[in-house]
N, C-alpha and C. Protein backbone atom coordinates (compact mmCIF):
# COMPACT_ATOMS: atom_id res chain seq x y z
N UNK A 1 90.96 -8.06 -20.84
CA UNK A 1 89.87 -7.88 -21.24
C UNK A 1 88.41 -8.54 -21.16
N UNK A 2 87.65 -7.86 -21.45
CA UNK A 2 85.98 -8.69 -20.98
C UNK A 2 85.64 -9.91 -21.85
N UNK A 3 85.38 -10.79 -20.88
CA UNK A 3 85.65 -12.01 -21.69
C UNK A 3 83.77 -11.73 -22.25
N UNK A 4 83.38 -12.91 -22.77
CA UNK A 4 81.94 -13.00 -23.32
C UNK A 4 81.61 -13.90 -21.84
N UNK A 5 80.15 -13.54 -21.54
CA UNK A 5 79.09 -14.22 -20.54
C UNK A 5 79.21 -15.52 -20.60
N UNK A 6 79.63 -15.96 -19.01
CA UNK A 6 80.00 -17.45 -19.29
C UNK A 6 80.33 -17.52 -17.93
N UNK A 7 80.18 -19.09 -17.04
CA UNK A 7 80.80 -19.07 -15.86
C UNK A 7 81.44 -20.48 -16.11
N UNK A 8 82.64 -20.24 -15.03
CA UNK A 8 83.68 -21.42 -15.26
C UNK A 8 82.80 -22.40 -14.72
N UNK A 9 83.11 -23.90 -15.40
CA UNK A 9 82.04 -25.25 -14.85
C UNK A 9 81.96 -25.34 -13.53
N UNK A 10 82.91 -24.88 -12.35
CA UNK A 10 82.05 -25.21 -10.84
C UNK A 10 82.29 -24.33 -10.01
N UNK A 11 81.99 -22.72 -10.47
CA UNK A 11 81.57 -21.91 -10.38
C UNK A 11 79.88 -21.66 -9.99
N UNK A 12 79.79 -21.12 -9.09
CA UNK A 12 78.24 -20.44 -8.76
C UNK A 12 78.15 -19.25 -8.12
N UNK A 13 76.88 -18.44 -8.40
CA UNK A 13 76.56 -17.63 -9.00
C UNK A 13 75.83 -17.05 -7.81
N UNK A 14 75.47 -15.67 -6.89
CA UNK A 14 74.29 -15.83 -6.20
C UNK A 14 73.91 -14.38 -6.64
N UNK A 15 72.73 -14.25 -7.31
CA UNK A 15 72.25 -12.84 -7.32
C UNK A 15 71.51 -12.05 -6.28
N UNK A 16 71.47 -12.30 -5.24
CA UNK A 16 70.85 -12.04 -4.24
C UNK A 16 71.40 -10.88 -3.53
N UNK A 17 70.39 -9.74 -3.25
CA UNK A 17 70.93 -8.31 -2.73
C UNK A 17 70.79 -8.75 -1.00
N UNK A 18 71.60 -8.09 -0.55
CA UNK A 18 72.25 -7.68 0.47
C UNK A 18 70.81 -7.37 1.58
N UNK A 19 69.91 -6.53 1.07
CA UNK A 19 68.76 -6.47 2.02
C UNK A 19 67.62 -7.17 1.82
N UNK A 20 67.91 -8.51 1.43
CA UNK A 20 66.91 -9.75 1.50
C UNK A 20 67.67 -10.57 2.27
N UNK A 21 66.58 -10.63 3.41
CA UNK A 21 66.95 -11.60 4.50
C UNK A 21 66.01 -12.62 4.43
N UNK A 22 66.55 -14.35 4.12
CA UNK A 22 65.98 -15.12 3.45
C UNK A 22 66.12 -16.23 5.04
N UNK A 23 65.23 -16.70 5.59
CA UNK A 23 64.95 -17.72 6.63
C UNK A 23 64.12 -19.45 6.03
N UNK A 24 65.21 -19.96 6.05
CA UNK A 24 65.04 -21.17 5.76
C UNK A 24 64.19 -22.35 6.63
N UNK A 25 64.45 -21.79 7.87
CA UNK A 25 63.53 -22.42 8.87
C UNK A 25 64.01 -24.23 8.82
N UNK A 26 65.55 -24.54 8.80
CA UNK A 26 65.35 -25.99 8.64
C UNK A 26 65.04 -26.78 7.22
N UNK A 27 64.37 -25.77 6.53
CA UNK A 27 63.89 -26.31 5.20
C UNK A 27 65.20 -27.40 4.15
N UNK A 28 65.31 -27.89 4.24
CA UNK A 28 67.03 -29.01 3.55
C UNK A 28 66.43 -28.48 2.19
N UNK A 29 67.60 -28.89 1.39
CA UNK A 29 67.39 -28.58 -0.21
C UNK A 29 67.35 -29.96 -0.74
N UNK A 30 66.25 -29.71 -1.93
CA UNK A 30 65.33 -31.23 -2.44
C UNK A 30 66.01 -31.09 -3.67
N UNK A 31 66.57 -32.19 -4.24
CA UNK A 31 66.58 -32.31 -6.02
C UNK A 31 65.07 -32.69 -6.30
N UNK A 32 64.97 -31.77 -7.75
CA UNK A 32 63.65 -31.96 -8.33
C UNK A 32 64.22 -32.73 -9.19
N UNK A 33 63.31 -33.49 -9.97
CA UNK A 33 63.69 -33.92 -11.50
C UNK A 33 62.58 -33.25 -12.25
N UNK A 34 62.98 -33.35 -13.35
CA UNK A 34 62.62 -33.17 -14.48
C UNK A 34 60.86 -32.89 -14.46
N UNK A 35 60.23 -33.98 -14.27
CA UNK A 35 59.06 -33.98 -14.44
C UNK A 35 58.12 -33.55 -13.01
N UNK A 36 59.19 -33.15 -12.06
CA UNK A 36 58.66 -32.47 -10.95
C UNK A 36 58.54 -31.21 -10.95
N UNK A 37 59.76 -30.52 -11.78
CA UNK A 37 59.62 -29.35 -11.92
C UNK A 37 58.11 -28.66 -13.20
N UNK A 38 58.31 -29.33 -13.77
CA UNK A 38 57.10 -29.07 -14.32
C UNK A 38 55.42 -29.29 -13.65
N UNK A 39 55.97 -29.78 -12.14
CA UNK A 39 54.33 -29.61 -11.58
C UNK A 39 54.29 -28.54 -10.76
N UNK A 40 55.22 -27.96 -10.62
CA UNK A 40 55.48 -26.92 -9.40
C UNK A 40 55.57 -25.56 -10.81
N UNK A 41 56.76 -25.50 -11.24
CA UNK A 41 56.78 -23.96 -12.38
C UNK A 41 56.21 -24.25 -13.86
N UNK A 42 55.88 -23.06 -13.88
CA UNK A 42 55.46 -22.95 -15.35
C UNK A 42 55.81 -21.33 -16.26
N UNK A 43 56.22 -21.80 -17.43
CA UNK A 43 56.32 -20.51 -17.93
C UNK A 43 55.03 -18.96 -17.58
N UNK A 44 55.38 -17.83 -17.57
CA UNK A 44 54.30 -17.20 -17.47
C UNK A 44 54.03 -16.56 -16.13
N UNK A 45 53.42 -18.01 -15.54
CA UNK A 45 52.65 -17.40 -14.33
C UNK A 45 53.90 -18.00 -13.44
N UNK A 46 55.01 -18.91 -13.56
CA UNK A 46 56.16 -19.32 -12.69
C UNK A 46 55.11 -20.12 -11.49
N UNK A 47 54.39 -20.33 -11.48
CA UNK A 47 53.53 -21.58 -10.22
C UNK A 47 52.93 -22.42 -11.45
N UNK A 48 52.60 -22.95 -11.06
CA UNK A 48 51.23 -24.31 -11.59
C UNK A 48 50.36 -23.81 -10.71
N UNK A 49 48.61 -23.71 -11.13
CA UNK A 49 47.85 -23.46 -10.30
C UNK A 49 47.83 -24.57 -9.20
N UNK A 50 48.07 -26.07 -9.14
CA UNK A 50 48.46 -27.14 -7.91
C UNK A 50 49.25 -26.22 -7.40
N UNK A 51 50.04 -26.17 -7.63
CA UNK A 51 51.17 -25.71 -6.75
C UNK A 51 51.34 -24.20 -5.91
N UNK A 52 50.47 -23.45 -6.59
CA UNK A 52 50.46 -22.21 -5.78
C UNK A 52 49.18 -22.28 -4.89
N UNK A 53 48.38 -22.90 -4.98
CA UNK A 53 47.32 -23.30 -3.69
C UNK A 53 47.80 -23.85 -2.95
N UNK A 54 49.08 -24.85 -3.51
CA UNK A 54 49.48 -25.83 -2.10
C UNK A 54 50.78 -24.68 -1.22
N UNK A 55 50.98 -24.15 -1.91
CA UNK A 55 51.94 -22.99 -1.27
C UNK A 55 51.29 -21.97 -0.58
N UNK A 56 50.36 -21.34 -0.95
CA UNK A 56 49.42 -20.59 -0.22
C UNK A 56 48.94 -20.87 1.02
N UNK A 57 48.90 -22.40 1.03
CA UNK A 57 48.49 -23.48 2.22
C UNK A 57 49.07 -22.86 3.38
N UNK A 58 50.33 -23.59 2.78
CA UNK A 58 51.61 -23.57 3.37
C UNK A 58 52.32 -22.59 4.18
N UNK A 59 51.81 -21.29 3.50
CA UNK A 59 51.87 -20.08 3.82
C UNK A 59 51.53 -19.91 5.14
N UNK A 60 50.17 -19.73 4.71
CA UNK A 60 49.15 -19.44 6.03
C UNK A 60 49.11 -20.21 7.16
N UNK A 61 49.18 -21.32 7.24
CA UNK A 61 49.84 -22.34 8.03
C UNK A 61 50.84 -21.53 8.75
N UNK A 62 52.10 -21.52 8.36
CA UNK A 62 53.21 -21.15 8.90
C UNK A 62 52.80 -19.53 9.64
N UNK A 63 52.15 -18.26 8.30
CA UNK A 63 51.81 -17.37 9.85
C UNK A 63 51.31 -17.57 10.88
N UNK A 64 50.12 -18.56 10.89
CA UNK A 64 49.10 -18.33 11.79
C UNK A 64 49.90 -19.14 12.82
N UNK A 65 51.18 -20.41 13.08
CA UNK A 65 51.58 -21.49 14.10
C UNK A 65 53.00 -20.45 14.47
N UNK A 66 53.63 -19.52 13.35
CA UNK A 66 55.09 -19.01 13.87
C UNK A 66 54.84 -17.54 13.75
N UNK A 67 53.97 -16.95 13.22
CA UNK A 67 54.29 -15.60 12.32
C UNK A 67 54.36 -14.92 13.75
N UNK A 68 53.42 -14.90 15.20
CA UNK A 68 53.69 -14.08 16.39
C UNK A 68 54.55 -14.03 16.92
N UNK A 69 55.32 -15.03 16.89
CA UNK A 69 56.75 -15.64 17.38
C UNK A 69 57.90 -15.20 16.59
N UNK A 70 57.42 -14.94 15.13
CA UNK A 70 58.42 -14.58 14.35
C UNK A 70 58.64 -12.87 14.49
N UNK A 71 57.56 -12.21 14.62
CA UNK A 71 56.93 -10.56 14.68
C UNK A 71 58.00 -9.85 16.33
N UNK A 72 57.86 -11.11 17.25
CA UNK A 72 58.71 -10.68 18.28
C UNK A 72 60.11 -10.49 18.07
N UNK A 73 60.51 -11.10 17.26
CA UNK A 73 62.19 -10.83 16.89
C UNK A 73 62.31 -9.13 16.39
N UNK A 74 61.23 -8.42 16.01
CA UNK A 74 61.35 -7.24 15.58
C UNK A 74 60.99 -6.07 16.37
N UNK A 75 60.76 -6.09 17.68
CA UNK A 75 60.01 -5.33 19.00
C UNK A 75 61.22 -4.29 18.83
N UNK A 76 62.22 -4.35 18.70
CA UNK A 76 62.95 -3.48 18.99
C UNK A 76 63.27 -2.29 17.91
N UNK A 77 62.73 -2.98 17.08
CA UNK A 77 63.04 -2.25 15.62
C UNK A 77 61.66 -1.44 15.35
N UNK A 78 62.04 -0.22 15.46
CA UNK A 78 60.58 0.87 15.56
C UNK A 78 60.11 1.25 14.15
N UNK A 79 60.57 0.64 13.28
CA UNK A 79 60.35 1.12 11.73
C UNK A 79 60.03 -0.37 11.14
N UNK A 80 59.81 -1.16 11.59
CA UNK A 80 59.76 -2.47 10.88
C UNK A 80 58.52 -2.85 10.82
N UNK A 81 57.76 -2.99 9.50
CA UNK A 81 55.96 -3.28 9.26
C UNK A 81 55.91 -4.36 8.47
N UNK A 82 54.74 -4.88 8.96
CA UNK A 82 55.19 -5.83 8.28
C UNK A 82 54.37 -5.96 6.85
N UNK A 83 53.90 -6.97 5.78
CA UNK A 83 53.80 -6.57 4.69
C UNK A 83 52.28 -6.61 4.82
N UNK A 84 51.69 -6.02 3.88
CA UNK A 84 50.19 -5.87 3.92
C UNK A 84 49.76 -6.20 2.51
N UNK A 85 50.15 -6.80 1.88
CA UNK A 85 49.56 -7.22 0.55
C UNK A 85 49.71 -8.67 0.56
N UNK A 86 48.98 -9.32 1.58
CA UNK A 86 48.64 -10.74 2.21
C UNK A 86 50.18 -11.86 1.47
N UNK A 87 51.53 -10.97 2.01
CA UNK A 87 52.42 -12.05 1.80
C UNK A 87 52.41 -12.67 0.88
N UNK A 88 52.99 -11.96 -0.29
CA UNK A 88 52.62 -13.05 -1.40
C UNK A 88 54.13 -13.94 -2.06
N UNK A 89 53.55 -14.86 -2.68
CA UNK A 89 54.56 -15.71 -3.21
C UNK A 89 55.68 -15.17 -3.96
N UNK A 90 56.91 -16.00 -4.28
CA UNK A 90 57.37 -15.88 -5.09
C UNK A 90 58.41 -16.82 -5.60
N UNK A 91 58.77 -17.12 -6.31
CA UNK A 91 60.16 -18.56 -6.73
C UNK A 91 61.00 -17.68 -7.57
N UNK A 92 62.36 -17.86 -7.18
CA UNK A 92 63.35 -16.89 -7.43
C UNK A 92 64.78 -18.21 -7.25
N UNK A 93 65.90 -17.65 -8.48
CA UNK A 93 66.89 -18.37 -8.20
C UNK A 93 67.86 -17.66 -7.05
N UNK A 94 68.34 -18.38 -6.24
CA UNK A 94 69.05 -18.05 -4.96
C UNK A 94 70.45 -18.13 -5.61
N UNK A 95 70.74 -18.93 -6.32
CA UNK A 95 72.53 -19.20 -6.49
C UNK A 95 71.86 -20.31 -7.84
N UNK A 96 73.44 -20.18 -9.17
CA UNK A 96 73.33 -21.06 -10.22
C UNK A 96 74.72 -21.57 -10.29
N UNK A 97 74.91 -22.57 -11.11
CA UNK A 97 75.82 -22.48 -12.06
C UNK A 97 75.78 -23.24 -13.64
N UNK A 98 76.67 -23.74 -14.18
CA UNK A 98 76.34 -23.43 -15.58
C UNK A 98 75.29 -25.05 -16.04
N UNK A 99 75.29 -25.84 -14.91
CA UNK A 99 74.58 -27.17 -15.22
C UNK A 99 73.42 -26.76 -14.06
N UNK A 100 73.56 -26.28 -13.03
CA UNK A 100 72.10 -26.50 -12.07
C UNK A 100 71.95 -25.07 -11.10
N UNK A 101 70.46 -24.92 -10.73
CA UNK A 101 70.49 -23.90 -9.99
C UNK A 101 69.54 -24.31 -9.03
N UNK A 102 69.37 -23.29 -7.58
CA UNK A 102 68.67 -23.28 -6.56
C UNK A 102 67.82 -22.42 -6.42
N UNK A 103 66.22 -22.70 -6.08
CA UNK A 103 65.18 -21.75 -6.08
C UNK A 103 64.38 -22.35 -4.66
N UNK A 104 64.20 -20.94 -4.51
CA UNK A 104 63.60 -20.74 -3.18
C UNK A 104 62.17 -20.05 -3.78
N UNK A 105 61.50 -21.12 -2.94
CA UNK A 105 59.85 -20.33 -2.75
C UNK A 105 59.50 -19.61 -1.55
N UNK A 106 59.62 -18.59 -1.59
CA UNK A 106 59.26 -18.04 -0.60
C UNK A 106 58.06 -17.11 -0.39
N UNK A 107 57.79 -16.20 0.48
CA UNK A 107 56.94 -15.06 0.79
C UNK A 107 57.60 -13.94 1.67
N UNK A 108 57.07 -12.88 1.11
CA UNK A 108 57.24 -11.39 2.08
C UNK A 108 57.38 -11.48 3.24
N UNK A 109 57.57 -11.36 4.19
CA UNK A 109 56.94 -11.19 5.58
C UNK A 109 56.62 -9.24 6.00
N UNK A 110 57.91 -9.14 5.78
CA UNK A 110 58.07 -7.68 6.49
C UNK A 110 58.99 -6.57 5.70
N UNK A 111 59.20 -5.50 5.96
CA UNK A 111 60.29 -4.59 5.59
C UNK A 111 60.56 -3.98 7.13
N UNK A 112 61.87 -2.96 6.99
CA UNK A 112 62.57 -2.30 7.70
C UNK A 112 63.43 -1.53 6.72
N UNK A 113 63.25 -0.18 6.42
CA UNK A 113 64.16 1.14 5.93
C UNK A 113 63.76 -0.36 4.14
N UNK A 114 65.32 -0.35 3.40
CA UNK A 114 65.46 -0.82 2.50
C UNK A 114 66.18 -2.64 3.14
N UNK A 115 65.16 -3.26 4.28
CA UNK A 115 65.59 -5.02 4.26
C UNK A 115 64.32 -4.96 4.24
N UNK A 116 64.10 -6.35 3.09
CA UNK A 116 63.36 -7.41 3.24
C UNK A 116 63.04 -8.29 4.27
N UNK A 117 62.08 -9.10 4.31
CA UNK A 117 62.44 -9.78 5.34
C UNK A 117 61.16 -11.27 4.83
N UNK A 118 62.39 -12.20 4.16
CA UNK A 118 61.23 -13.54 3.78
C UNK A 118 61.22 -14.51 4.23
N UNK A 119 60.44 -15.56 4.23
CA UNK A 119 60.54 -16.83 4.72
C UNK A 119 59.89 -18.29 3.86
N UNK A 120 60.94 -19.04 3.52
CA UNK A 120 61.62 -20.13 2.63
C UNK A 120 60.49 -21.12 2.53
N UNK A 121 59.68 -21.51 1.66
CA UNK A 121 58.45 -22.51 1.78
C UNK A 121 58.94 -24.01 1.35
N UNK A 122 59.96 -23.97 0.25
CA UNK A 122 60.29 -24.51 -0.59
C UNK A 122 61.91 -23.95 -1.28
N UNK A 123 62.96 -25.59 -1.28
CA UNK A 123 64.42 -25.07 -1.51
C UNK A 123 64.78 -26.07 -2.13
N UNK A 124 64.99 -25.59 -3.69
CA UNK A 124 65.04 -26.81 -4.78
C UNK A 124 66.21 -26.56 -5.16
N UNK A 125 66.61 -27.86 -5.59
CA UNK A 125 68.45 -27.97 -6.91
C UNK A 125 67.42 -28.45 -8.08
N UNK A 126 67.86 -28.00 -9.03
CA UNK A 126 67.26 -28.26 -10.22
C UNK A 126 68.37 -28.27 -11.47
N UNK A 127 67.81 -29.36 -12.59
CA UNK A 127 68.97 -29.54 -13.39
C UNK A 127 68.87 -28.18 -14.46
N UNK A 128 69.57 -27.50 -15.17
CA UNK A 128 69.98 -26.21 -16.12
C UNK A 128 69.26 -26.78 -17.27
N UNK A 129 67.57 -26.30 -17.61
CA UNK A 129 67.85 -26.76 -19.13
C UNK A 129 67.00 -25.67 -20.07
N UNK A 130 66.55 -25.72 -20.85
CA UNK A 130 65.97 -24.56 -21.51
C UNK A 130 64.80 -24.22 -20.84
N UNK A 131 64.29 -25.05 -20.60
CA UNK A 131 62.93 -24.91 -19.48
C UNK A 131 63.06 -24.10 -18.18
N UNK A 132 63.76 -24.23 -17.74
CA UNK A 132 64.14 -23.55 -16.26
C UNK A 132 64.81 -22.22 -16.56
N UNK A 133 65.69 -22.20 -17.63
CA UNK A 133 65.98 -21.16 -18.03
C UNK A 133 65.24 -20.20 -18.69
N UNK A 134 64.07 -20.27 -19.29
CA UNK A 134 63.70 -19.68 -19.68
C UNK A 134 62.32 -19.01 -18.36
N UNK A 135 61.50 -19.96 -17.66
CA UNK A 135 60.95 -19.37 -16.66
C UNK A 135 61.57 -18.61 -15.94
N UNK A 136 62.64 -19.10 -15.50
CA UNK A 136 64.12 -17.79 -14.21
C UNK A 136 64.80 -16.93 -14.95
N UNK A 137 64.54 -16.57 -16.34
CA UNK A 137 65.55 -16.04 -16.82
C UNK A 137 67.06 -15.66 -16.39
N UNK A 138 67.50 -17.49 -16.59
CA UNK A 138 68.86 -17.74 -16.11
C UNK A 138 69.64 -17.79 -16.94
N UNK A 139 69.50 -16.95 -18.46
CA UNK A 139 70.50 -17.03 -19.29
C UNK A 139 70.77 -15.43 -19.17
N UNK A 140 70.10 -14.40 -18.89
CA UNK A 140 69.84 -13.80 -18.44
C UNK A 140 71.19 -13.13 -17.17
N UNK A 141 70.90 -13.97 -16.32
CA UNK A 141 71.66 -13.63 -14.82
C UNK A 141 73.04 -14.13 -15.20
N UNK A 142 72.97 -14.96 -15.81
CA UNK A 142 74.70 -15.47 -16.53
C UNK A 142 75.07 -14.20 -17.08
N UNK A 143 74.45 -14.22 -18.00
CA UNK A 143 75.40 -12.79 -18.93
C UNK A 143 75.82 -12.00 -17.95
N UNK A 144 74.69 -11.16 -16.79
CA UNK A 144 75.22 -10.36 -16.07
C UNK A 144 76.42 -10.63 -14.96
N UNK A 145 76.39 -12.02 -14.17
CA UNK A 145 76.89 -12.28 -13.88
C UNK A 145 78.44 -13.14 -13.72
N UNK A 146 78.37 -13.66 -15.03
CA UNK A 146 79.49 -14.50 -16.00
C UNK A 146 80.13 -13.15 -16.08
N UNK A 147 80.04 -12.16 -16.40
CA UNK A 147 81.45 -11.31 -17.00
C UNK A 147 82.56 -11.64 -16.33
N UNK A 148 84.15 -11.17 -16.87
CA UNK A 148 84.67 -11.17 -15.85
C UNK A 148 85.83 -10.24 -16.85
N UNK A 149 86.99 -9.24 -15.80
CA UNK A 149 87.74 -8.32 -16.93
C UNK A 149 89.08 -8.24 -15.79
N UNK A 150 89.93 -8.45 -16.96
CA UNK A 150 91.59 -8.86 -16.60
C UNK A 150 91.48 -9.52 -15.28
N UNK A 151 90.69 -10.73 -15.17
CA UNK A 151 90.52 -11.25 -13.94
C UNK A 151 89.87 -11.23 -12.60
N UNK A 152 89.06 -9.96 -12.58
CA UNK A 152 88.32 -9.87 -11.81
C UNK A 152 86.47 -9.99 -12.58
N UNK A 153 86.19 -10.71 -11.42
CA UNK A 153 84.96 -12.04 -11.51
C UNK A 153 83.67 -11.69 -10.52
N UNK A 154 82.23 -12.12 -10.28
CA UNK A 154 82.12 -12.54 -9.36
C UNK A 154 82.20 -13.19 -8.23
N UNK A 155 81.87 -12.35 -7.03
CA UNK A 155 82.58 -13.05 -5.47
C UNK A 155 83.59 -13.02 -5.26
N UNK A 156 84.39 -11.96 -6.17
CA UNK A 156 85.94 -11.43 -5.85
C UNK A 156 86.13 -10.81 -4.98
N UNK A 157 87.27 -10.87 -3.84
CA UNK A 157 86.82 -9.56 -2.26
C UNK A 157 87.04 -8.01 -3.49
N UNK A 158 86.94 -6.99 -2.42
CA UNK A 158 87.16 -5.66 -3.44
C UNK A 158 88.80 -5.41 -3.32
N UNK A 159 88.99 -6.07 -2.46
CA UNK A 159 90.64 -5.98 -2.00
C UNK A 159 91.78 -6.43 -3.35
N UNK A 160 91.47 -8.13 -3.90
CA UNK A 160 91.59 -8.47 -4.85
C UNK A 160 91.54 -7.76 -6.52
N UNK A 161 90.15 -6.85 -6.41
CA UNK A 161 90.12 -6.16 -7.44
C UNK A 161 91.13 -5.10 -7.53
N UNK A 162 91.20 -3.90 -6.20
CA UNK A 162 92.64 -2.94 -6.39
C UNK A 162 93.75 -3.32 -6.85
N UNK A 163 94.16 -4.79 -6.00
CA UNK A 163 95.65 -5.73 -6.95
C UNK A 163 95.37 -5.65 -8.29
N UNK A 164 94.18 -6.04 -8.52
CA UNK A 164 94.57 -6.42 -10.21
C UNK A 164 94.23 -4.78 -11.05
N UNK A 165 93.46 -4.11 -10.54
CA UNK A 165 93.01 -3.11 -11.63
C UNK A 165 93.19 -1.53 -10.84
N UNK A 166 93.83 -1.56 -10.05
CA UNK A 166 94.49 0.02 -9.16
C UNK A 166 93.21 0.56 -8.13
N UNK A 167 93.68 1.18 -7.39
CA UNK A 167 93.08 2.16 -6.86
C UNK A 167 92.41 3.40 -7.40
N UNK A 168 92.42 3.70 -8.40
CA UNK A 168 92.24 4.71 -9.13
C UNK A 168 90.57 4.76 -9.82
N UNK A 169 89.51 4.92 -8.96
CA UNK A 169 88.26 5.05 -9.16
C UNK A 169 86.86 6.07 -8.99
N UNK A 170 86.07 5.92 -9.42
CA UNK A 170 85.30 7.13 -8.55
C UNK A 170 84.09 6.19 -7.99
N UNK A 171 83.72 6.26 -7.09
CA UNK A 171 82.76 5.76 -6.34
C UNK A 171 81.25 6.92 -6.30
N UNK A 172 80.34 6.03 -6.16
CA UNK A 172 79.21 6.63 -5.68
C UNK A 172 79.02 6.55 -4.19
N UNK A 173 78.55 8.23 -3.57
CA UNK A 173 78.24 8.11 -2.03
C UNK A 173 77.07 7.75 -1.69
N UNK A 174 75.76 7.40 -2.65
CA UNK A 174 74.83 7.46 -2.13
C UNK A 174 74.04 6.38 -1.91
N UNK A 175 75.06 5.33 -1.77
CA UNK A 175 74.91 3.81 -0.64
C UNK A 175 75.21 3.63 0.14
N UNK A 176 74.42 2.52 0.65
CA UNK A 176 75.32 2.24 2.65
C UNK A 176 76.95 1.31 2.22
N UNK A 177 77.52 1.66 3.48
CA UNK A 177 78.71 0.80 3.48
C UNK A 177 78.85 -0.05 2.57
N UNK A 178 77.75 -1.22 2.95
CA UNK A 178 77.76 -2.33 2.40
C UNK A 178 77.49 -2.66 0.86
N UNK A 179 77.57 -1.96 0.09
CA UNK A 179 76.65 -1.75 -0.92
C UNK A 179 77.41 -0.58 -1.92
N UNK A 180 78.65 -1.11 -2.51
CA UNK A 180 79.23 0.18 -3.24
C UNK A 180 79.18 -0.67 -4.72
N UNK A 181 79.32 1.36 -5.50
CA UNK A 181 79.27 1.38 -6.93
C UNK A 181 80.68 1.79 -7.19
N UNK A 182 81.41 1.38 -7.71
CA UNK A 182 82.67 1.98 -8.29
C UNK A 182 83.00 2.35 -9.62
N UNK A 183 83.45 2.92 -10.50
CA UNK A 183 83.20 3.21 -11.56
C UNK A 183 85.25 3.46 -12.15
N UNK A 184 85.47 2.67 -13.29
CA UNK A 184 86.91 2.80 -13.67
C UNK A 184 86.98 3.32 -14.49
N UNK A 185 87.15 4.96 -14.96
CA UNK A 185 87.00 5.54 -15.95
C UNK A 185 88.20 4.99 -16.87
N UNK A 186 89.31 4.74 -16.70
CA UNK A 186 90.14 4.01 -18.04
C UNK A 186 90.12 2.97 -18.17
N UNK A 187 88.81 1.60 -17.82
CA UNK A 187 88.26 0.92 -18.37
C UNK A 187 86.94 0.94 -18.90
N UNK A 188 86.50 1.93 -18.52
CA UNK A 188 84.83 2.89 -18.83
C UNK A 188 84.09 1.25 -18.08
N UNK A 189 84.11 0.71 -17.01
CA UNK A 189 84.29 -0.36 -16.32
C UNK A 189 83.38 0.00 -15.07
N UNK A 190 81.98 -0.25 -14.65
CA UNK A 190 81.30 -0.07 -13.34
C UNK A 190 81.35 -1.38 -12.57
N UNK A 191 81.64 -1.56 -10.92
CA UNK A 191 81.81 -2.64 -10.69
C UNK A 191 80.68 -2.67 -9.39
N UNK A 192 79.83 -3.34 -9.18
CA UNK A 192 78.90 -3.56 -8.15
C UNK A 192 79.67 -4.27 -6.91
N UNK A 193 79.37 -3.96 -6.02
CA UNK A 193 80.14 -4.62 -4.75
C UNK A 193 79.35 -4.45 -3.68
N UNK A 194 78.78 -5.86 -2.98
CA UNK A 194 78.56 -5.83 -1.85
C UNK A 194 78.97 -6.77 -0.71
N UNK A 195 78.68 -6.07 0.70
CA UNK A 195 80.14 -6.83 1.35
C UNK A 195 80.95 -7.31 1.05
N UNK A 196 81.85 -6.37 0.62
CA UNK A 196 83.32 -6.51 -0.07
C UNK A 196 83.53 -7.49 -1.08
N UNK A 197 82.65 -7.94 -1.55
CA UNK A 197 82.58 -9.19 -2.92
C UNK A 197 82.00 -8.72 -3.81
N UNK A 198 82.35 -8.87 -5.21
CA UNK A 198 82.01 -8.11 -6.33
C UNK A 198 80.84 -9.30 -6.72
N UNK A 199 79.60 -8.04 -6.90
CA UNK A 199 78.05 -8.45 -7.39
C UNK A 199 78.32 -8.86 -8.77
N UNK A 200 78.62 -8.17 -9.54
CA UNK A 200 78.47 -7.88 -10.76
C UNK A 200 79.52 -6.91 -11.46
N UNK A 201 79.93 -7.38 -12.79
CA UNK A 201 80.69 -5.96 -13.59
C UNK A 201 79.90 -5.86 -14.37
N UNK A 202 80.03 -4.30 -15.31
CA UNK A 202 79.13 -4.18 -16.29
C UNK A 202 79.99 -3.13 -17.28
N UNK A 203 80.25 -2.94 -18.56
CA UNK A 203 80.45 -2.06 -19.31
C UNK A 203 79.90 -0.60 -19.53
N UNK A 204 80.79 0.57 -19.51
CA UNK A 204 79.77 1.73 -19.88
C UNK A 204 80.01 2.34 -18.37
N UNK A 205 79.67 3.70 -18.41
CA UNK A 205 79.65 4.82 -17.62
C UNK A 205 77.91 4.86 -16.98
N UNK A 206 78.01 4.46 -15.65
CA UNK A 206 77.05 4.93 -15.10
C UNK A 206 76.55 6.15 -14.78
N UNK A 207 74.77 6.40 -14.61
CA UNK A 207 74.17 7.18 -14.84
C UNK A 207 74.51 8.15 -13.21
N UNK A 208 75.28 7.58 -12.25
CA UNK A 208 75.41 8.10 -11.41
C UNK A 208 76.64 8.98 -11.60
N UNK A 209 77.24 8.72 -12.29
CA UNK A 209 78.47 9.31 -13.08
C UNK A 209 78.51 11.08 -12.89
N UNK A 210 77.61 11.21 -13.62
CA UNK A 210 76.88 12.61 -13.90
C UNK A 210 76.13 13.40 -12.93
N UNK A 211 76.38 13.15 -12.08
CA UNK A 211 75.64 13.89 -10.70
C UNK A 211 76.84 13.93 -9.69
N UNK A 212 76.06 14.74 -8.35
CA UNK A 212 77.56 15.23 -7.71
C UNK A 212 77.52 14.38 -6.90
N UNK A 213 76.58 13.31 -6.48
CA UNK A 213 77.23 11.43 -5.78
C UNK A 213 78.27 10.67 -5.94
N UNK A 214 79.07 11.52 -6.06
CA UNK A 214 80.23 10.50 -6.53
C UNK A 214 81.77 11.39 -6.12
N UNK A 215 82.37 10.58 -5.52
CA UNK A 215 83.80 11.25 -4.77
C UNK A 215 84.84 10.55 -5.86
N UNK A 216 86.38 10.68 -6.15
CA UNK A 216 87.01 9.86 -6.51
C UNK A 216 88.13 9.32 -5.28
N UNK A 217 88.57 8.53 -5.45
CA UNK A 217 89.59 7.39 -4.32
C UNK A 217 91.24 7.75 -4.88
């Protein structure tokens, strides 16, 4: 059966897409107190005014000092292009558990097809509370990534999924081999798999089932 949203106490979930390539550049994890959290993050705008100014300066310094050397990594990628929107900053949940969340402050550097390259400026471990959950919508992430069905759960291998649910399912043909959408008609259940691990599970028939871009296993 489908369980209610929630995560086992020690389980961590990572809602990162495989097309997101994040470079930490030796920036270690820093644990933030609740007081320091509110110095950096706030509702609605995510960043406080002071934090935004600080990390914009760090971004600009990184681009000046490291940008040319980093760009050289992509010299053989003929379709790579630099972001032309002033490399906007963002703050996102990299992974979370029932009690904590790891937050990256990063900026977009460039793109190649569906691959997006980010540089991390801040790497923070924070205690989850109503404030953090609201700023970063962690409760919604928990609903999405916390489901399990007949033992199938986030992070499980695709082989384990088939061992539990069988190999009788439809698969969407319009994705890369590393990102798969499968649908068990018997259970009315879609499972999204990336790098052969379960990303998340959701009830209901997906829209792609009404297209020609599907095949049966």
